[in-house]
PDB file of N, CA and C in Angstrom:
ATOM      1  N   MET A   1     -24.745  -6.184   0.581  1.00  0.00           N
ATOM      2  CA  MET A   1     -23.543  -6.983   0.654  1.00  0.00           C
ATOM      3  C   MET A   1     -22.742  -6.538   1.874  1.00  0.00           C
ATOM      4  N   ALA A   2     -22.367  -7.516   2.706  1.00  0.00           N
ATOM      5  CA  ALA A   2     -21.561  -7.235   3.893  1.00  0.00           C
ATOM      6  C   ALA A   2     -20.204  -7.916   3.753  1.00  0.00           C
ATOM      7  N   ILE A   3     -19.143  -7.185   4.133  1.00  0.00           N
ATOM      8  CA  ILE A   3     -17.789  -7.735   4.100  1.00  0.00           C
ATOM      9  C   ILE A   3     -17.254  -7.768   5.517  1.00  0.00           C
ATOM     10  N   ALA A   4     -16.838  -8.951   5.964  1.00  0.00           N
ATOM     11  CA  ALA A   4     -16.285  -9.113   7.312  1.00  0.00           C
ATOM     12  C   ALA A   4     -14.863  -9.647   7.197  1.00  0.00           C
ATOM     13  N   GLU A   5     -13.872  -8.802   7.548  1.00  0.00           N
ATOM     14  CA  GLU A   5     -12.479  -9.255   7.574  1.00  0.00           C
ATOM     15  C   GLU A   5     -12.229  -9.936   8.902  1.00  0.00           C
ATOM     16  N   LYS A   6     -11.568 -11.118   8.854  1.00  0.00           N
ATOM     17  CA  LYS A   6     -11.396 -11.878  10.086  1.00  0.00           C
ATOM     18  C   LYS A   6     -10.452 -13.054   9.890  1.00  0.00           C
ATOM     19  N   ILE A   7     -10.157 -13.737  10.992  1.00  0.00           N
ATOM     20  CA  ILE A   7      -9.471 -15.015  10.920  1.00  0.00           C
ATOM     21  C   ILE A   7     -10.505 -16.023  10.449  1.00  0.00           C
ATOM     22  N   LEU A   8     -10.220 -16.682   9.351  1.00  0.00           N
ATOM     23  CA  LEU A   8     -11.168 -17.631   8.765  1.00  0.00           C
ATOM     24  C   LEU A   8     -11.052 -19.015   9.399  1.00  0.00           C
ATOM     25  N   GLY A   9      -9.871 -19.347   9.881  1.00  0.00           N
ATOM     26  CA  GLY A   9      -9.688 -20.652  10.504  1.00  0.00           C
ATOM     27  C   GLY A   9      -8.319 -20.784  11.134  1.00  0.00           C
ATOM     28  N   GLN A  10      -8.235 -21.596  12.194  1.00  0.00           N
ATOM     29  CA  GLN A  10      -6.983 -21.906  12.877  1.00  0.00           C
ATOM     30  C   GLN A  10      -7.028 -23.358  13.314  1.00  0.00           C
ATOM     31  N   SER A  11      -5.875 -24.035  13.225  1.00  0.00           N
ATOM     32  CA  SER A  11      -5.853 -25.438  13.615  1.00  0.00           C
ATOM     33  C   SER A  11      -4.415 -25.921  13.690  1.00  0.00           C
ATOM     34  N   THR A  12      -4.238 -27.126  14.228  1.00  0.00           N
ATOM     35  CA  THR A  12      -2.979 -27.836  14.060  1.00  0.00           C
ATOM     36  C   THR A  12      -3.149 -28.734  12.842  1.00  0.00           C
ATOM     37  N   ILE A  13      -2.051 -29.030  12.192  1.00  0.00           N
ATOM     38  CA  ILE A  13      -2.080 -29.809  10.963  1.00  0.00           C
ATOM     39  C   ILE A  13      -1.727 -31.259  11.280  1.00  0.00           C
ATOM     40  N   LEU A  14      -2.535 -32.174  10.766  1.00  0.00           N
ATOM     41  CA  LEU A  14      -2.320 -33.606  10.980  1.00  0.00           C
ATOM     42  C   LEU A  14      -1.425 -34.172   9.885  1.00  0.00           C
ATOM     43  N   SER A  15      -0.902 -35.378  10.107  1.00  0.00           N
ATOM     44  CA  SER A  15      -0.078 -36.022   9.087  1.00  0.00           C
ATOM     45  C   SER A  15      -0.785 -37.190   8.419  1.00  0.00           C
ATOM     46  N   ALA A  16      -1.732 -37.813   9.089  1.00  0.00           N
ATOM     47  CA  ALA A  16      -2.382 -39.007   8.543  1.00  0.00           C
ATOM     48  C   ALA A  16      -3.397 -38.677   7.459  1.00  0.00           C
ATOM     49  N   SER A  17      -4.020 -37.499   7.533  1.00  0.00           N
ATOM     50  CA  SER A  17      -5.026 -37.099   6.556  1.00  0.00           C
ATOM     51  C   SER A  17      -5.065 -35.581   6.484  1.00  0.00           C
ATOM     52  N   ASN A  18      -5.747 -35.060   5.465  1.00  0.00           N
ATOM     53  CA  ASN A  18      -5.867 -33.610   5.326  1.00  0.00           C
ATOM     54  C   ASN A  18      -6.631 -33.023   6.504  1.00  0.00           C
ATOM     55  N   SER A  19      -6.145 -31.904   7.002  1.00  0.00           N
ATOM     56  CA  SER A  19      -6.855 -31.134   8.020  1.00  0.00           C
ATOM     57  C   SER A  19      -7.602 -30.011   7.308  1.00  0.00           C
ATOM     58  N   THR A  20      -8.917 -29.966   7.484  1.00  0.00           N
ATOM     59  CA  THR A  20      -9.689 -28.859   6.913  1.00  0.00           C
ATOM     60  C   THR A  20      -9.578 -27.677   7.858  1.00  0.00           C
ATOM     61  N   ILE A  21      -9.034 -26.593   7.355  1.00  0.00           N
ATOM     62  CA  ILE A  21      -8.799 -25.399   8.168  1.00  0.00           C
ATOM     63  C   ILE A  21      -9.973 -24.420   8.031  1.00  0.00           C
ATOM     64  N   TYR A  22     -10.525 -24.339   6.842  1.00  0.00           N
ATOM     65  CA  TYR A  22     -11.624 -23.388   6.589  1.00  0.00           C
ATOM     66  C   TYR A  22     -12.510 -23.935   5.485  1.00  0.00           C
ATOM     67  N   THR A  23     -13.798 -23.838   5.697  1.00  0.00           N
ATOM     68  CA  THR A  23     -14.793 -24.163   4.678  1.00  0.00           C
ATOM     69  C   THR A  23     -15.684 -22.938   4.487  1.00  0.00           C
ATOM     70  N   VAL A  24     -15.848 -22.503   3.271  1.00  0.00           N
ATOM     71  CA  VAL A  24     -16.675 -21.327   2.995  1.00  0.00           C
ATOM     72  C   VAL A  24     -18.132 -21.679   3.267  1.00  0.00           C
ATOM     73  N   PRO A  25     -18.793 -20.884   4.124  1.00  0.00           N
ATOM     74  CA  PRO A  25     -20.209 -21.141   4.427  1.00  0.00           C
ATOM     75  C   PRO A  25     -21.113 -20.954   3.200  1.00  0.00           C
ATOM     76  N   ALA A  26     -22.315 -21.502   3.287  1.00  0.00           N
ATOM     77  CA  ALA A  26     -23.323 -21.343   2.233  1.00  0.00           C
ATOM     78  C   ALA A  26     -23.622 -19.861   2.013  1.00  0.00           C
ATOM     79  N   SER A  27     -23.939 -19.510   0.802  1.00  0.00           N
ATOM     80  CA  SER A  27     -24.306 -18.135   0.411  1.00  0.00           C
ATOM     81  C   SER A  27     -23.220 -17.122   0.760  1.00  0.00           C
ATOM     82  N   THR A  28     -21.973 -17.547   0.683  1.00  0.00           N
ATOM     83  CA  THR A  28     -20.842 -16.699   1.075  1.00  0.00           C
ATOM     84  C   THR A  28     -19.712 -16.860   0.059  1.00  0.00           C
ATOM     85  N   THR A  29     -18.971 -15.783  -0.150  1.00  0.00           N
ATOM     86  CA  THR A  29     -17.701 -15.842  -0.867  1.00  0.00           C
ATOM     87  C   THR A  29     -16.607 -15.594   0.148  1.00  0.00           C
ATOM     88  N   GLY A  30     -15.640 -16.476   0.201  1.00  0.00           N
ATOM     89  CA  GLY A  30     -14.504 -16.297   1.100  1.00  0.00           C
ATOM     90  C   GLY A  30     -13.319 -15.781   0.311  1.00  0.00           C
ATOM     91  N   ILE A  31     -12.585 -14.854   0.897  1.00  0.00           N
ATOM     92  CA  ILE A  31     -11.376 -14.322   0.277  1.00  0.00           C
ATOM     93  C   ILE A  31     -10.210 -14.650   1.210  1.00  0.00           C
ATOM     94  N   VAL A  32      -9.324 -15.540   0.775  1.00  0.00           N
ATOM     95  CA  VAL A  32      -8.140 -15.875   1.561  1.00  0.00           C
ATOM     96  C   VAL A  32      -7.066 -14.858   1.208  1.00  0.00           C
ATOM     97  N   LYS A  33      -6.574 -14.131   2.234  1.00  0.00           N
ATOM     98  CA  LYS A  33      -5.575 -13.092   1.993  1.00  0.00           C
ATOM     99  C   LYS A  33      -4.189 -13.490   2.485  1.00  0.00           C
ATOM    100  N   ILE A  34      -4.122 -14.210   3.597  1.00  0.00           N
ATOM    101  CA  ILE A  34      -2.824 -14.617   4.128  1.00  0.00           C
ATOM    102  C   ILE A  34      -2.971 -15.933   4.886  1.00  0.00           C
ATOM    103  N   ILE A  35      -1.946 -16.756   4.773  1.00  0.00           N
ATOM    104  CA  ILE A  35      -1.895 -18.025   5.489  1.00  0.00           C
ATOM    105  C   ILE A  35      -0.561 -18.068   6.223  1.00  0.00           C
ATOM    106  N   TRP A  36      -0.599 -18.272   7.532  1.00  0.00           N
ATOM    107  CA  TRP A  36       0.606 -18.449   8.352  1.00  0.00           C
ATOM    108  C   TRP A  36       0.704 -19.911   8.729  1.00  0.00           C
ATOM    109  N   ILE A  37       1.865 -20.505   8.530  1.00  0.00           N
ATOM    110  CA  ILE A  37       2.106 -21.879   8.956  1.00  0.00           C
ATOM    111  C   ILE A  37       3.332 -21.852   9.856  1.00  0.00           C
ATOM    112  N   THR A  38       3.166 -22.308  11.098  1.00  0.00           N
ATOM    113  CA  THR A  38       4.225 -22.254  12.103  1.00  0.00           C
ATOM    114  C   THR A  38       4.630 -23.656  12.521  1.00  0.00           C
ATOM    115  N   ASN A  39       5.930 -23.906  12.519  1.00  0.00           N
ATOM    116  CA  ASN A  39       6.482 -25.165  13.007  1.00  0.00           C
ATOM    117  C   ASN A  39       6.758 -25.000  14.493  1.00  0.00           C
ATOM    118  N   THR A  40       6.060 -25.737  15.325  1.00  0.00           N
ATOM    119  CA  THR A  40       6.184 -25.608  16.778  1.00  0.00           C
ATOM    120  C   THR A  40       7.165 -26.623  17.365  1.00  0.00           C
ATOM    121  N   THR A  41       7.948 -27.294  16.503  1.00  0.00           N
ATOM    122  CA  THR A  41       8.874 -28.314  16.980  1.00  0.00           C
ATOM    123  C   THR A  41      10.324 -27.897  16.716  1.00  0.00           C
ATOM    124  N   THR A  42      11.252 -28.743  17.157  1.00  0.00           N
ATOM    125  CA  THR A  42      12.680 -28.480  16.962  1.00  0.00           C
ATOM    126  C   THR A  42      13.251 -29.249  15.770  1.00  0.00           C
ATOM    127  N   SER A  43      12.378 -29.759  14.902  1.00  0.00           N
ATOM    128  CA  SER A  43      12.795 -30.455  13.681  1.00  0.00           C
ATOM    129  C   SER A  43      12.084 -29.842  12.481  1.00  0.00           C
ATOM    130  N   ASP A  44      12.727 -29.901  11.327  1.00  0.00           N
ATOM    131  CA  ASP A  44      12.086 -29.428  10.098  1.00  0.00           C
ATOM    132  C   ASP A  44      10.874 -30.312   9.772  1.00  0.00           C
ATOM    133  N   VAL A  45       9.828 -29.704   9.225  1.00  0.00           N
ATOM    134  CA  VAL A  45       8.605 -30.414   8.852  1.00  0.00           C
ATOM    135  C   VAL A  45       8.187 -29.912   7.478  1.00  0.00           C
ATOM    136  N   THR A  46       7.641 -30.802   6.640  1.00  0.00           N
ATOM    137  CA  THR A  46       7.128 -30.358   5.343  1.00  0.00           C
ATOM    138  C   THR A  46       5.605 -30.255   5.400  1.00  0.00           C
ATOM    139  N   VAL A  47       5.073 -29.434   4.501  1.00  0.00           N
ATOM    140  CA  VAL A  47       3.635 -29.188   4.475  1.00  0.00           C
ATOM    141  C   VAL A  47       3.127 -29.250   3.044  1.00  0.00           C
ATOM    142  N   GLU A  48       1.893 -29.724   2.904  1.00  0.00           N
ATOM    143  CA  GLU A  48       1.141 -29.660   1.658  1.00  0.00           C
ATOM    144  C   GLU A  48      -0.100 -28.809   1.952  1.00  0.00           C
ATOM    145  N   LEU A  49      -0.490 -27.973   1.000  1.00  0.00           N
ATOM    146  CA  LEU A  49      -1.615 -27.069   1.198  1.00  0.00           C
ATOM    147  C   LEU A  49      -2.470 -27.045  -0.052  1.00  0.00           C
ATOM    148  N   TRP A  50      -3.773 -27.248   0.134  1.00  0.00           N
ATOM    149  CA  TRP A  50      -4.743 -27.203  -0.963  1.00  0.00           C
ATOM    150  C   TRP A  50      -5.721 -26.065  -0.718  1.00  0.00           C
ATOM    151  N   VAL A  51      -6.104 -25.383  -1.795  1.00  0.00           N
ATOM    152  CA  VAL A  51      -7.097 -24.313  -1.707  1.00  0.00           C
ATOM    153  C   VAL A  51      -8.092 -24.504  -2.838  1.00  0.00           C
ATOM    154  N   GLY A  52      -9.351 -24.581  -2.496  1.00  0.00           N
ATOM    155  CA  GLY A  52     -10.401 -24.753  -3.502  1.00  0.00           C
ATOM    156  C   GLY A  52     -11.149 -26.042  -3.288  1.00  0.00           C
ATOM    157  N   ASN A  53     -11.332 -26.782  -4.350  1.00  0.00           N
ATOM    158  CA  ASN A  53     -12.039 -28.051  -4.286  1.00  0.00           C
ATOM    159  C   ASN A  53     -11.013 -29.175  -4.297  1.00  0.00           C
ATOM    160  N   THR A  54     -10.666 -29.703  -3.124  1.00  0.00           N
ATOM    161  CA  THR A  54      -9.579 -30.680  -3.037  1.00  0.00           C
ATOM    162  C   THR A  54      -9.902 -31.991  -3.731  1.00  0.00           C
ATOM    163  N   ALA A  55     -11.135 -32.221  -4.124  1.00  0.00           N
ATOM    164  CA  ALA A  55     -11.471 -33.428  -4.871  1.00  0.00           C
ATOM    165  C   ALA A  55     -10.701 -33.470  -6.191  1.00  0.00           C
ATOM    166  N   ALA A  56     -10.260 -32.307  -6.657  1.00  0.00           N
ATOM    167  CA  ALA A  56      -9.493 -32.245  -7.904  1.00  0.00           C
ATOM    168  C   ALA A  56      -8.042 -32.661  -7.690  1.00  0.00           C
ATOM    169  N   GLY A  57      -7.615 -32.814  -6.443  1.00  0.00           N
ATOM    170  CA  GLY A  57      -6.271 -33.305  -6.144  1.00  0.00           C
ATOM    171  C   GLY A  57      -5.183 -32.280  -6.384  1.00  0.00           C
ATOM    172  N   ASP A  58      -4.119 -32.725  -7.045  1.00  0.00           N
ATOM    173  CA  ASP A  58      -2.934 -31.888  -7.202  1.00  0.00           C
ATOM    174  C   ASP A  58      -3.182 -30.592  -7.964  1.00  0.00           C
ATOM    175  N   ALA A  59      -4.233 -30.541  -8.755  1.00  0.00           N
ATOM    176  CA  ALA A  59      -4.527 -29.313  -9.490  1.00  0.00           C
ATOM    177  C   ALA A  59      -4.846 -28.156  -8.544  1.00  0.00           C
ATOM    178  N   GLN A  60      -5.224 -28.459  -7.310  1.00  0.00           N
ATOM    179  CA  GLN A  60      -5.602 -27.425  -6.341  1.00  0.00           C
ATOM    180  C   GLN A  60      -4.514 -27.162  -5.297  1.00  0.00           C
ATOM    181  N   LYS A  61      -3.341 -27.754  -5.464  1.00  0.00           N
ATOM    182  CA  LYS A  61      -2.273 -27.579  -4.473  1.00  0.00           C
ATOM    183  C   LYS A  61      -1.643 -26.207  -4.582  1.00  0.00           C
ATOM    184  N   LEU A  62      -1.511 -25.569  -3.436  1.00  0.00           N
ATOM    185  CA  LEU A  62      -0.819 -24.295  -3.350  1.00  0.00           C
ATOM    186  C   LEU A  62       0.622 -24.527  -2.899  1.00  0.00           C
ATOM    187  N   MET A  63       0.844 -25.553  -2.063  1.00  0.00           N
ATOM    188  CA  MET A  63       2.181 -25.930  -1.596  1.00  0.00           C
ATOM    189  C   MET A  63       2.299 -27.448  -1.664  1.00  0.00           C
ATOM    190  N   ASP A  64       3.467 -27.938  -2.049  1.00  0.00           N
ATOM    191  CA  ASP A  64       3.686 -29.380  -2.120  1.00  0.00           C
ATOM    192  C   ASP A  64       5.082 -29.700  -1.592  1.00  0.00           C
ATOM    193  N   GLY A  65       5.137 -30.229  -0.377  1.00  0.00           N
ATOM    194  CA  GLY A  65       6.418 -30.613   0.209  1.00  0.00           C
ATOM    195  C   GLY A  65       7.314 -29.448   0.567  1.00  0.00           C
ATOM    196  N   VAL A  66       6.736 -28.330   0.943  1.00  0.00           N
ATOM    197  CA  VAL A  66       7.509 -27.150   1.342  1.00  0.00           C
ATOM    198  C   VAL A  66       7.993 -27.346   2.772  1.00  0.00           C
ATOM    199  N   THR A  67       9.283 -27.148   2.988  1.00  0.00           N
ATOM    200  CA  THR A  67       9.861 -27.333   4.323  1.00  0.00           C
ATOM    201  C   THR A  67       9.654 -26.091   5.174  1.00  0.00           C
ATOM    202  N   ILE A  68       9.135 -26.302   6.371  1.00  0.00           N
ATOM    203  CA  ILE A  68       9.046 -25.255   7.388  1.00  0.00           C
ATOM    204  C   ILE A  68      10.156 -25.578   8.392  1.00  0.00           C
ATOM    205  N   PRO A  69      11.197 -24.758   8.468  1.00  0.00           N
ATOM    206  CA  PRO A  69      12.301 -25.068   9.370  1.00  0.00           C
ATOM    207  C   PRO A  69      11.859 -25.126  10.834  1.00  0.00           C
ATOM    208  N   ALA A  70      12.650 -25.819  11.641  1.00  0.00           N
ATOM    209  CA  ALA A  70      12.371 -25.945  13.071  1.00  0.00           C
ATOM    210  C   ALA A  70      12.149 -24.572  13.698  1.00  0.00           C
ATOM    211  N   SER A  71      11.102 -24.462  14.507  1.00  0.00           N
ATOM    212  CA  SER A  71      10.780 -23.234  15.252  1.00  0.00           C
ATOM    213  C   SER A  71      10.691 -21.997  14.354  1.00  0.00           C
ATOM    214  N   ASP A  72      10.192 -22.170  13.156  1.00  0.00           N
ATOM    215  CA  ASP A  72      10.099 -21.070  12.195  1.00  0.00           C
ATOM    216  C   ASP A  72       8.692 -21.047  11.596  1.00  0.00           C
ATOM    217  N   PHE A  73       8.455 -20.155  10.639  1.00  0.00           N
ATOM    218  CA  PHE A  73       7.135 -20.053  10.016  1.00  0.00           C
ATOM    219  C   PHE A  73       7.267 -19.634   8.564  1.00  0.00           C
ATOM    220  N   LYS A  74       6.201 -19.851   7.816  1.00  0.00           N
ATOM    221  CA  LYS A  74       6.075 -19.366   6.440  1.00  0.00           C
ATOM    222  C   LYS A  74       4.783 -18.572   6.360  1.00  0.00           C
ATOM    223  N   GLN A  75       4.810 -17.515   5.564  1.00  0.00           N
ATOM    224  CA  GLN A  75       3.609 -16.752   5.277  1.00  0.00           C
ATOM    225  C   GLN A  75       3.327 -16.855   3.783  1.00  0.00           C
ATOM    226  N   VAL A  76       2.074 -17.068   3.440  1.00  0.00           N
ATOM    227  CA  VAL A  76       1.644 -17.107   2.050  1.00  0.00           C
ATOM    228  C   VAL A  76       0.668 -15.952   1.857  1.00  0.00           C
ATOM    229  N   TYR A  77       1.075 -14.971   1.062  1.00  0.00           N
ATOM    230  CA  TYR A  77       0.196 -13.844   0.758  1.00  0.00           C
ATOM    231  C   TYR A  77      -0.516 -14.136  -0.555  1.00  0.00           C
ATOM    232  N   THR A  78      -1.820 -13.965  -0.558  1.00  0.00           N
ATOM    233  CA  THR A  78      -2.599 -14.282  -1.751  1.00  0.00           C
ATOM    234  C   THR A  78      -3.856 -13.419  -1.774  1.00  0.00           C
ATOM    235  N   TYR A  79      -4.578 -13.493  -2.834  1.00  0.00           N
ATOM    236  CA  TYR A  79      -5.930 -12.942  -2.912  1.00  0.00           C
ATOM    237  C   TYR A  79      -6.722 -13.977  -3.680  1.00  0.00           C
ATOM    238  N   MET A  80      -7.259 -14.944  -2.943  1.00  0.00           N
ATOM    239  CA  MET A  80      -7.905 -16.084  -3.564  1.00  0.00           C
ATOM    240  C   MET A  80      -9.378 -16.147  -3.184  1.00  0.00           C
ATOM    241  N   PRO A  81     -10.281 -15.825  -4.115  1.00  0.00           N
ATOM    242  CA  PRO A  81     -11.703 -15.948  -3.830  1.00  0.00           C
ATOM    243  C   PRO A  81     -12.138 -17.410  -3.901  1.00  0.00           C
ATOM    244  N   LEU A  82     -12.936 -17.813  -2.929  1.00  0.00           N
ATOM    245  CA  LEU A  82     -13.488 -19.161  -2.868  1.00  0.00           C
ATOM    246  C   LEU A  82     -14.999 -19.057  -2.740  1.00  0.00           C
ATOM    247  N   VAL A  83     -15.696 -19.985  -3.373  1.00  0.00           N
ATOM    248  CA  VAL A  83     -17.148 -19.993  -3.296  1.00  0.00           C
ATOM    249  C   VAL A  83     -17.609 -20.965  -2.207  1.00  0.00           C
ATOM    250  N   ALA A  84     -18.898 -20.927  -1.910  1.00  0.00           N
ATOM    251  CA  ALA A  84     -19.485 -21.775  -0.864  1.00  0.00           C
ATOM    252  C   ALA A  84     -19.040 -23.227  -1.026  1.00  0.00           C
ATOM    253  N   THR A  85     -18.703 -23.842   0.070  1.00  0.00           N
ATOM    254  CA  THR A  85     -18.250 -25.237   0.249  1.00  0.00           C
ATOM    255  C   THR A  85     -16.793 -25.476  -0.136  1.00  0.00           C
ATOM    256  N   GLU A  86     -16.108 -24.526  -0.784  1.00  0.00           N
ATOM    257  CA  GLU A  86     -14.686 -24.729  -1.063  1.00  0.00           C
ATOM    258  C   GLU A  86     -13.895 -24.607   0.239  1.00  0.00           C
ATOM    259  N   THR A  87     -12.707 -25.208   0.257  1.00  0.00           N
ATOM    260  CA  THR A  87     -11.963 -25.335   1.514  1.00  0.00           C
ATOM    261  C   THR A  87     -10.502 -24.915   1.375  1.00  0.00           C
ATOM    262  N   VAL A  88      -9.890 -24.731   2.545  1.00  0.00           N
ATOM    263  CA  VAL A  88      -8.440 -24.662   2.690  1.00  0.00           C
ATOM    264  C   VAL A  88      -8.079 -25.877   3.535  1.00  0.00           C
ATOM    265  N   GLU A  89      -7.206 -26.733   2.997  1.00  0.00           N
ATOM    266  CA  GLU A  89      -6.812 -27.953   3.703  1.00  0.00           C
ATOM    267  C   GLU A  89      -5.293 -28.073   3.708  1.00  0.00           C
ATOM    268  N   ALA A  90      -4.754 -28.729   4.734  1.00  0.00           N
ATOM    269  CA  ALA A  90      -3.311 -28.902   4.842  1.00  0.00           C
ATOM    270  C   ALA A  90      -2.985 -30.267   5.426  1.00  0.00           C
ATOM    271  N   LYS A  91      -1.757 -30.704   5.155  1.00  0.00           N
ATOM    272  CA  LYS A  91      -1.261 -31.972   5.681  1.00  0.00           C
ATOM    273  C   LYS A  91       0.233 -31.809   5.932  1.00  0.00           C
ATOM    274  N   GLY A  92       0.708 -32.289   7.082  1.00  0.00           N
ATOM    275  CA  GLY A  92       2.123 -32.166   7.418  1.00  0.00           C
ATOM    276  C   GLY A  92       2.821 -33.511   7.409  1.00  0.00           C
ATOM    277  N   SER A  93       4.156 -33.474   7.399  1.00  0.00           N
ATOM    278  CA  SER A  93       4.929 -34.713   7.424  1.00  0.00           C
ATOM    279  C   SER A  93       5.064 -35.281   8.829  1.00  0.00           C
ATOM    280  N   THR A  94       4.777 -34.467   9.833  1.00  0.00           N
ATOM    281  CA  THR A  94       4.823 -34.896  11.233  1.00  0.00           C
ATOM    282  C   THR A  94       3.521 -34.472  11.891  1.00  0.00           C
ATOM    283  N   ASN A  95       2.903 -35.376  12.624  1.00  0.00           N
ATOM    284  CA  ASN A  95       1.595 -35.096  13.220  1.00  0.00           C
ATOM    285  C   ASN A  95       1.668 -33.973  14.253  1.00  0.00           C
ATOM    286  N   VAL A  96       0.744 -33.058  14.181  1.00  0.00           N
ATOM    287  CA  VAL A  96       0.548 -31.902  15.079  1.00  0.00           C
ATOM    288  C   VAL A  96       1.829 -31.110  15.344  1.00  0.00           C
ATOM    289  N   ALA A  97       2.722 -31.029  14.360  1.00  0.00           N
ATOM    290  CA  ALA A  97       3.946 -30.239  14.491  1.00  0.00           C
ATOM    291  C   ALA A  97       3.762 -28.826  13.944  1.00  0.00           C
ATOM    292  N   LEU A  98       2.727 -28.630  13.142  1.00  0.00           N
ATOM    293  CA  LEU A  98       2.486 -27.348  12.497  1.00  0.00           C
ATOM    294  C   LEU A  98       1.152 -26.766  12.950  1.00  0.00           C
ATOM    295  N   SER A  99       1.147 -25.453  13.140  1.00  0.00           N
ATOM    296  CA  SER A  99      -0.126 -24.763  13.371  1.00  0.00           C
ATOM    297  C   SER A  99      -0.350 -23.821  12.195  1.00  0.00           C
ATOM    298  N   ILE A 100      -1.612 -23.580  11.893  1.00  0.00           N
ATOM    299  CA  ILE A 100      -1.947 -22.778  10.719  1.00  0.00           C
ATOM    300  C   ILE A 100      -3.047 -21.775  11.074  1.00  0.00           C
ATOM    301  N   THR A 101      -2.905 -20.576  10.515  1.00  0.00           N
ATOM    302  CA  THR A 101      -3.928 -19.537  10.637  1.00  0.00           C
ATOM    303  C   THR A 101      -4.212 -19.012   9.244  1.00  0.00           C
ATOM    304  N   VAL A 102      -5.492 -18.967   8.888  1.00  0.00           N
ATOM    305  CA  VAL A 102      -5.933 -18.451   7.595  1.00  0.00           C
ATOM    306  C   VAL A 102      -6.756 -17.196   7.870  1.00  0.00           C
ATOM    307  N   ALA A 103      -6.372 -16.085   7.261  1.00  0.00           N
ATOM    308  CA  ALA A 103      -7.084 -14.824   7.465  1.00  0.00           C
ATOM    309  C   ALA A 103      -7.536 -14.268   6.131  1.00  0.00           C
ATOM    310  N   GLY A 104      -8.605 -13.493   6.188  1.00  0.00           N
ATOM    311  CA  GLY A 104      -9.152 -12.907   4.981  1.00  0.00           C
ATOM    312  C   GLY A 104     -10.476 -12.241   5.245  1.00  0.00           C
ATOM    313  N   ALA A 105     -11.421 -12.482   4.359  1.00  0.00           N
ATOM    314  CA  ALA A 105     -12.730 -11.834   4.476  1.00  0.00           C
ATOM    315  C   ALA A 105     -13.820 -12.772   3.977  1.00  0.00           C
ATOM    316  N   GLU A 106     -15.019 -12.538   4.475  1.00  0.00           N
ATOM    317  CA  GLU A 106     -16.209 -13.224   3.969  1.00  0.00           C
ATOM    318  C   GLU A 106     -17.179 -12.172   3.484  1.00  0.00           C
ATOM    319  N   ILE A 107     -17.728 -12.423   2.296  1.00  0.00           N
ATOM    320  CA  ILE A 107     -18.699 -11.518   1.693  1.00  0.00           C
ATOM    321  C   ILE A 107     -20.046 -12.237   1.652  1.00  0.00           C
ATOM    322  N   THR A 108     -21.048 -11.604   2.267  1.00  0.00           N
ATOM    323  CA  THR A 108     -22.389 -12.215   2.313  1.00  0.00           C
ATOM    324  C   THR A 108     -23.410 -11.261   1.709  1.00  0.00           C
TER     325      THR A 108
END
């Protein structure tokens, strides 16, 4: 068993549809430890965040309509194990106003 701590995914968040930030590779367990969401604009923006199998909808939401103030950030500390093909996805109220970094570990 190998454990690799690393940035699991980085992206800008879209508003029209969910942005997939990280997908757990096959034969791997992903551990999400921290999520940073940064508002790169001068206006407040809201964010929705799903972790796990987003096909289940609201049952998998970690954040729903959380405001990220202008030029500010939120950190989400967690210890969330995910199995192969599960994802971290996000959606913002304003297109490409938010950037996101997901860090943790992969166990293979």
